[in-house]
Amino acid sequence: MSPYVFAWILWVAMFFAIEVPALFNRQPGDTLSEVIWKVFAVRGKPVGWQLRRLALLLGLAWLVIHLLSGGLI
């Protein structure tokens, strides 16, 4: 197993180690979704919300295209 594969497996394991307890403790702002909603101003309209939402949209669009194209983009 290459060091990169091991590192990605470790990264996924750490994600679950953080996310699973956050799902069960029911505190606001602790899951990844809630953090993303706050950072990218998905709920409400604070200063700069349009730019944050555009950044989220473009980033997610790129990720989907990148993964589905086999890395051509």
Protein backbone atom coordinates (compact mmCIF):
# COMPACT_ATOMS: atom_id res chain seq x y z
CA MET A 1 0.00 0.00 0.00
CA SER A 2 1.41 3.36 -0.99
CA PRO A 3 1.78 6.14 1.58
CA TYR A 4 -0.84 8.17 -0.27
CA VAL A 5 -3.44 5.40 -0.10
CA PHE A 6 -2.71 4.99 3.59
CA ALA A 7 -3.01 8.76 4.14
CA TRP A 8 -6.40 8.91 2.35
CA ILE A 9 -7.69 5.96 4.37
CA LEU A 10 -6.53 7.73 7.52
CA TRP A 11 -8.22 10.95 6.36
CA VAL A 12 -11.54 9.12 5.83
CA ALA A 13 -11.23 7.42 9.22
CA MET A 14 -10.61 10.80 10.90
CA PHE A 15 -13.66 12.23 9.13
CA PHE A 16 -15.86 9.50 10.59
CA ALA A 17 -14.19 9.84 14.01
CA ILE A 18 -15.24 13.50 14.04
CA GLU A 19 -18.58 13.31 12.22
CA VAL A 20 -20.20 10.31 13.94
CA PRO A 21 -19.99 11.74 17.49
CA ALA A 22 -21.15 15.11 16.12
CA LEU A 23 -24.23 13.46 14.65
CA PHE A 24 -25.22 11.99 17.99
CA ASN A 25 -24.54 14.92 20.33
CA ARG A 26 -27.08 17.20 18.60
CA GLN A 27 -25.13 20.42 19.22
CA PRO A 28 -25.60 23.11 16.57
CA GLY A 29 -22.63 23.78 14.30
CA ASP A 30 -20.67 20.60 14.87
CA THR A 31 -21.27 18.46 11.76
CA LEU A 32 -19.46 19.08 8.49
CA SER A 33 -22.72 20.08 6.81
CA GLU A 34 -23.46 22.69 9.47
CA VAL A 35 -19.95 24.12 9.25
CA ILE A 36 -20.19 24.35 5.46
CA TRP A 37 -23.63 25.99 5.71
CA LYS A 38 -22.18 28.58 8.08
CA VAL A 39 -18.94 29.28 6.20
CA PHE A 40 -20.67 29.57 2.83
CA ALA A 41 -23.69 31.48 4.21
CA VAL A 42 -26.22 28.93 3.00
CA ARG A 43 -28.68 29.98 5.69
CA GLY A 44 -29.28 33.70 5.98
CA LYS A 45 -27.68 36.50 4.02
CA PRO A 46 -24.69 38.02 5.85
CA VAL A 47 -22.25 40.37 4.12
CA GLY A 48 -20.66 38.66 1.12
CA TRP A 49 -23.16 35.81 0.94
CA GLN A 50 -23.35 35.86 -2.88
CA LEU A 51 -19.60 35.44 -3.28
CA ARG A 52 -19.47 32.64 -0.69
CA ARG A 53 -22.31 30.73 -2.32
CA LEU A 54 -20.74 31.19 -5.76
CA ALA A 55 -17.44 29.80 -4.43
CA LEU A 56 -19.27 26.77 -3.01
CA LEU A 57 -21.19 26.21 -6.25
CA LEU A 58 -18.11 26.48 -8.46
CA GLY A 59 -16.04 24.27 -6.18
CA LEU A 60 -18.68 21.54 -6.06
CA ALA A 61 -19.29 21.77 -9.83
CA TRP A 62 -15.56 21.40 -10.50
CA LEU A 63 -15.33 18.43 -8.13
CA VAL A 64 -18.20 16.58 -9.81
CA ILE A 65 -16.82 17.23 -13.30
CA HIS A 66 -13.30 16.29 -12.19
CA LEU A 67 -14.42 13.00 -10.63
CA LEU A 68 -16.77 12.01 -13.46
CA SER A 69 -14.29 12.88 -16.23
CA GLY A 70 -11.54 10.73 -14.76
CA GLY A 71 -9.36 13.72 -13.99
CA LEU A 72 -9.43 15.33 -17.43
CA ILE A 73 -10.36 18.63 -15.78
